[in-house]
C-alpha atoms as a PDB file:
ATOM      1  CA  MET A   1      -0.187  -0.313  -0.263  1.00  0.00           C
ATOM      2  CA  LYS A   2       1.421   3.371  -1.050  1.00  0.00           C
ATOM      3  CA  VAL A   3      -0.825   5.603   0.391  1.00  0.00           C
ATOM      4  CA  ASN A   4      -1.723   5.911   4.790  1.00  0.00           C
ATOM      5  CA  PRO A   5      -4.321   3.071   5.239  1.00  0.00           C
ATOM      6  CA  ILE A   6      -6.273   5.392   7.481  1.00  0.00           C
ATOM      7  CA  GLY A   7      -9.414   6.776   5.014  1.00  0.00           C
ATOM      8  CA  TRP A   8     -11.438   7.676   7.612  1.00  0.00           C
ATOM      9  CA  PHE A   9     -12.358   8.178  11.508  1.00  0.00           C
ATOM     10  CA  GLU A  10     -15.095   8.489  13.775  1.00  0.00           C
ATOM     11  CA  ILE A  11     -14.853   9.297  17.837  1.00  0.00           C
ATOM     12  CA  TYR A  12     -17.773   8.007  19.372  1.00  0.00           C
ATOM     13  CA  VAL A  13     -19.784  10.154  21.819  1.00  0.00           C
ATOM     14  CA  ASP A  14     -22.720  10.699  24.372  1.00  0.00           C
ATOM     15  CA  ASP A  15     -23.133  14.296  24.637  1.00  0.00           C
ATOM     16  CA  MET A  16     -22.807  15.975  20.999  1.00  0.00           C
ATOM     17  CA  ALA A  17     -22.570  19.711  22.190  1.00  0.00           C
ATOM     18  CA  ARG A  18     -19.972  18.916  25.103  1.00  0.00           C
ATOM     19  CA  ALA A  19     -17.959  16.527  22.492  1.00  0.00           C
ATOM     20  CA  ALA A  20     -17.833  19.377  20.172  1.00  0.00           C
ATOM     21  CA  LYS A  21     -17.357  22.172  22.708  1.00  0.00           C
ATOM     22  CA  PHE A  22     -14.000  20.251  23.686  1.00  0.00           C
ATOM     23  CA  TYR A  23     -12.263  19.347  20.442  1.00  0.00           C
ATOM     24  CA  GLU A  24     -12.926  22.647  18.960  1.00  0.00           C
ATOM     25  CA  THR A  25     -11.255  24.033  22.002  1.00  0.00           C
ATOM     26  CA  VAL A  26      -8.252  22.410  21.961  1.00  0.00           C
ATOM     27  CA  PHE A  27      -7.484  22.243  18.836  1.00  0.00           C
ATOM     28  CA  GLU A  28      -8.833  26.084  17.967  1.00  0.00           C
ATOM     29  CA  THR A  29     -11.492  25.022  14.916  1.00  0.00           C
ATOM     30  CA  LYS A  30     -15.134  24.748  14.336  1.00  0.00           C
ATOM     31  CA  THR A  31     -16.817  21.514  13.162  1.00  0.00           C
ATOM     32  CA  GLU A  32     -20.472  21.207  11.266  1.00  0.00           C
ATOM     33  CA  ALA A  33     -23.091  19.018  11.148  1.00  0.00           C
ATOM     34  CA  MET A  34     -22.554  16.595   8.627  1.00  0.00           C
ATOM     35  CA  ALA A  35     -25.427  14.178   9.363  1.00  0.00           C
ATOM     36  CA  SER A  36     -28.250  14.277  12.197  1.00  0.00           C
ATOM     37  CA  GLY A  37     -31.314  11.973  12.731  1.00  0.00           C
ATOM     38  CA  PRO A  38     -32.691   9.083  14.839  1.00  0.00           C
ATOM     39  CA  GLU A  39     -29.695   6.528  13.282  1.00  0.00           C
ATOM     40  CA  ILE A  40     -27.033   8.654  13.842  1.00  0.00           C
ATOM     41  CA  GLN A  41     -25.427  12.430  14.410  1.00  0.00           C
ATOM     42  CA  MET A  42     -22.009  13.539  12.683  1.00  0.00           C
ATOM     43  CA  GLN A  43     -20.360  17.147  13.821  1.00  0.00           C
ATOM     44  CA  ALA A  44     -17.583  16.838  11.197  1.00  0.00           C
ATOM     45  CA  PHE A  45     -13.872  18.368  11.743  1.00  0.00           C
ATOM     46  CA  ALA A  46     -13.001  20.556   8.656  1.00  0.00           C
ATOM     47  CA  GLY A  47     -10.830  19.041   5.943  1.00  0.00           C
ATOM     48  CA  ASP A  48      -9.953  18.618   2.258  1.00  0.00           C
ATOM     49  CA  MET A  49     -10.986  14.625   1.274  1.00  0.00           C
ATOM     50  CA  THR A  50      -8.710  15.565  -1.442  1.00  0.00           C
ATOM     51  CA  SER A  51      -5.581  16.087   0.300  1.00  0.00           C
ATOM     52  CA  HIS A  52      -3.285  13.984   2.465  1.00  0.00           C
ATOM     53  CA  GLY A  53      -4.736  12.809   5.576  1.00  0.00           C
ATOM     54  CA  SER A  54      -7.768  11.511   6.767  1.00  0.00           C
ATOM     55  CA  GLY A  55     -11.322  13.390   7.408  1.00  0.00           C
ATOM     56  CA  GLY A  56     -13.234  12.204  10.591  1.00  0.00           C
ATOM     57  CA  VAL A  57     -16.365  13.112  12.520  1.00  0.00           C
ATOM     58  CA  LEU A  58     -17.577  12.910  15.964  1.00  0.00           C
ATOM     59  CA  ALA A  59     -20.690  10.473  16.123  1.00  0.00           C
ATOM     60  CA  HIS A  60     -23.477   9.475  18.100  1.00  0.00           C
ATOM     61  CA  MET A  61     -25.453   6.464  17.632  1.00  0.00           C
ATOM     62  CA  PRO A  62     -27.921   4.654  19.848  1.00  0.00           C
ATOM     63  CA  GLY A  63     -26.377   1.172  21.443  1.00  0.00           C
ATOM     64  CA  PHE A  64     -22.654   2.528  20.826  1.00  0.00           C
ATOM     65  CA  LYS A  65     -20.892   3.517  24.062  1.00  0.00           C
ATOM     66  CA  ALA A  66     -18.382   6.494  23.969  1.00  0.00           C
ATOM     67  CA  GLY A  67     -15.616   5.446  25.627  1.00  0.00           C
ATOM     68  CA  GLY A  68     -13.530   2.523  26.424  1.00  0.00           C
ATOM     69  CA  ASN A  69     -12.625   1.476  22.503  1.00  0.00           C
ATOM     70  CA  SER A  70      -9.693   0.375  21.972  1.00  0.00           C
ATOM     71  CA  VAL A  71      -8.702   2.483  18.864  1.00  0.00           C
ATOM     72  CA  LEU A  72      -6.339   5.576  19.097  1.00  0.00           C
ATOM     73  CA  ILE A  73      -6.847   8.746  17.100  1.00  0.00           C
ATOM     74  CA  TYR A  74      -3.473  11.194  16.677  1.00  0.00           C
ATOM     75  CA  PHE A  75      -4.337  14.361  15.818  1.00  0.00           C
ATOM     76  CA  LYS A  76      -1.570  16.541  14.213  1.00  0.00           C
ATOM     77  CA  SER A  77       0.453  19.406  15.601  1.00  0.00           C
ATOM     78  CA  ASP A  78       3.017  21.753  15.244  1.00  0.00           C
ATOM     79  CA  ASP A  79       3.726  21.215  19.225  1.00  0.00           C
ATOM     80  CA  CYS A  80       1.763  19.313  20.992  1.00  0.00           C
ATOM     81  CA  ALA A  81       2.371  21.071  24.191  1.00  0.00           C
ATOM     82  CA  ILE A  82      -0.012  23.733  22.954  1.00  0.00           C
ATOM     83  CA  GLU A  83      -2.911  21.505  22.702  1.00  0.00           C
ATOM     84  CA  GLU A  84      -1.877  19.510  25.846  1.00  0.00           C
ATOM     85  CA  LYS A  85      -2.237  22.941  27.551  1.00  0.00           C
ATOM     86  CA  ARG A  86      -5.876  23.199  26.647  1.00  0.00           C
ATOM     87  CA  ILE A  87      -7.207  19.843  27.243  1.00  0.00           C
ATOM     88  CA  ALA A  88      -7.999  20.529  31.367  1.00  0.00           C
ATOM     89  CA  ALA A  89      -9.447  23.881  30.515  1.00  0.00           C
ATOM     90  CA  ALA A  90     -11.848  22.173  28.146  1.00  0.00           C
ATOM     91  CA  GLY A  91     -13.122  19.608  30.463  1.00  0.00           C
ATOM     92  CA  GLY A  92     -10.923  16.896  29.362  1.00  0.00           C
ATOM     93  CA  LYS A  93      -7.937  14.939  31.369  1.00  0.00           C
ATOM     94  CA  VAL A  94      -4.007  15.021  30.311  1.00  0.00           C
ATOM     95  CA  PHE A  95      -3.354  10.976  30.804  1.00  0.00           C
ATOM     96  CA  LYS A  96       0.255  11.311  29.748  1.00  0.00           C
ATOM     97  CA  PRO A  97       1.971  15.131  29.077  1.00  0.00           C
ATOM     98  CA  LYS A  98       4.102  15.534  26.236  1.00  0.00           C
ATOM     99  CA  MET A  99       6.850  12.739  25.855  1.00  0.00           C
ATOM    100  CA  ASN A 100       9.791  12.035  23.495  1.00  0.00           C
ATOM    101  CA  ILE A 101       9.362   9.501  21.068  1.00  0.00           C
ATOM    102  CA  GLY A 102      12.862   9.393  19.584  1.00  0.00           C
ATOM    103  CA  PRO A 103      13.419  10.546  15.949  1.00  0.00           C
ATOM    104  CA  TYR A 104       9.280  10.162  15.469  1.00  0.00           C
ATOM    105  CA  GLY A 105       8.607  13.230  17.434  1.00  0.00           C
ATOM    106  CA  PHE A 106       6.570  13.907  20.835  1.00  0.00           C
ATOM    107  CA  ILE A 107       2.813  12.442  21.857  1.00  0.00           C
ATOM    108  CA  THR A 108       0.742  13.935  24.381  1.00  0.00           C
ATOM    109  CA  LEU A 109      -2.223  11.660  25.659  1.00  0.00           C
ATOM    110  CA  GLY A 110      -5.847  12.996  26.584  1.00  0.00           C
ATOM    111  CA  ILE A 111      -8.915  11.851  27.866  1.00  0.00           C
ATOM    112  CA  ASP A 112     -11.961  13.684  26.141  1.00  0.00           C
ATOM    113  CA  THR A 113     -15.011  14.831  28.001  1.00  0.00           C
ATOM    114  CA  GLU A 114     -16.589  11.350  26.576  1.00  0.00           C
ATOM    115  CA  GLY A 115     -13.943   9.208  28.077  1.00  0.00           C
ATOM    116  CA  ASN A 116     -12.350   8.556  24.827  1.00  0.00           C
ATOM    117  CA  MET A 117      -8.384   8.603  24.663  1.00  0.00           C
ATOM    118  CA  PHE A 118      -6.869  10.397  21.781  1.00  0.00           C
ATOM    119  CA  GLY A 119      -3.261  11.718  20.832  1.00  0.00           C
ATOM    120  CA  ILE A 120      -1.932  14.514  19.593  1.00  0.00           C
ATOM    121  CA  HIS A 121       1.728  14.116  17.746  1.00  0.00           C
ATOM    122  CA  SER A 122       4.556  16.959  16.711  1.00  0.00           C
ATOM    123  CA  MET A 123       7.712  16.538  15.233  1.00  0.00           C
ATOM    124  CA  LYS A 124       8.625  19.322  18.115  1.00  0.00           C
END
């Protein structure tokens, strides 16, 4: 495979408004409604489906509980310490402060308001 294998992601949440506010605060971005109905609600992260990287959404689906899943999503950053400083103020928790992962840069691990762990990766 010559391209990055991830083409899409969904972060499942219990409270869409709370989760959207958390991610918008930590990453200083806006999300927008993508799908809404009794089957599923989706709030999309800004992105360009034709460029490098992966698009994705916050999702709420009856019967699919947030948190406790075994997939970890990493958001790109110029310096993960910047977003790390916003996690607690946005209602989340820092699980692992910025740490060096050798020639691959640095990561921070956080837990969002829904109990989902997520990562932030930077090269500095």
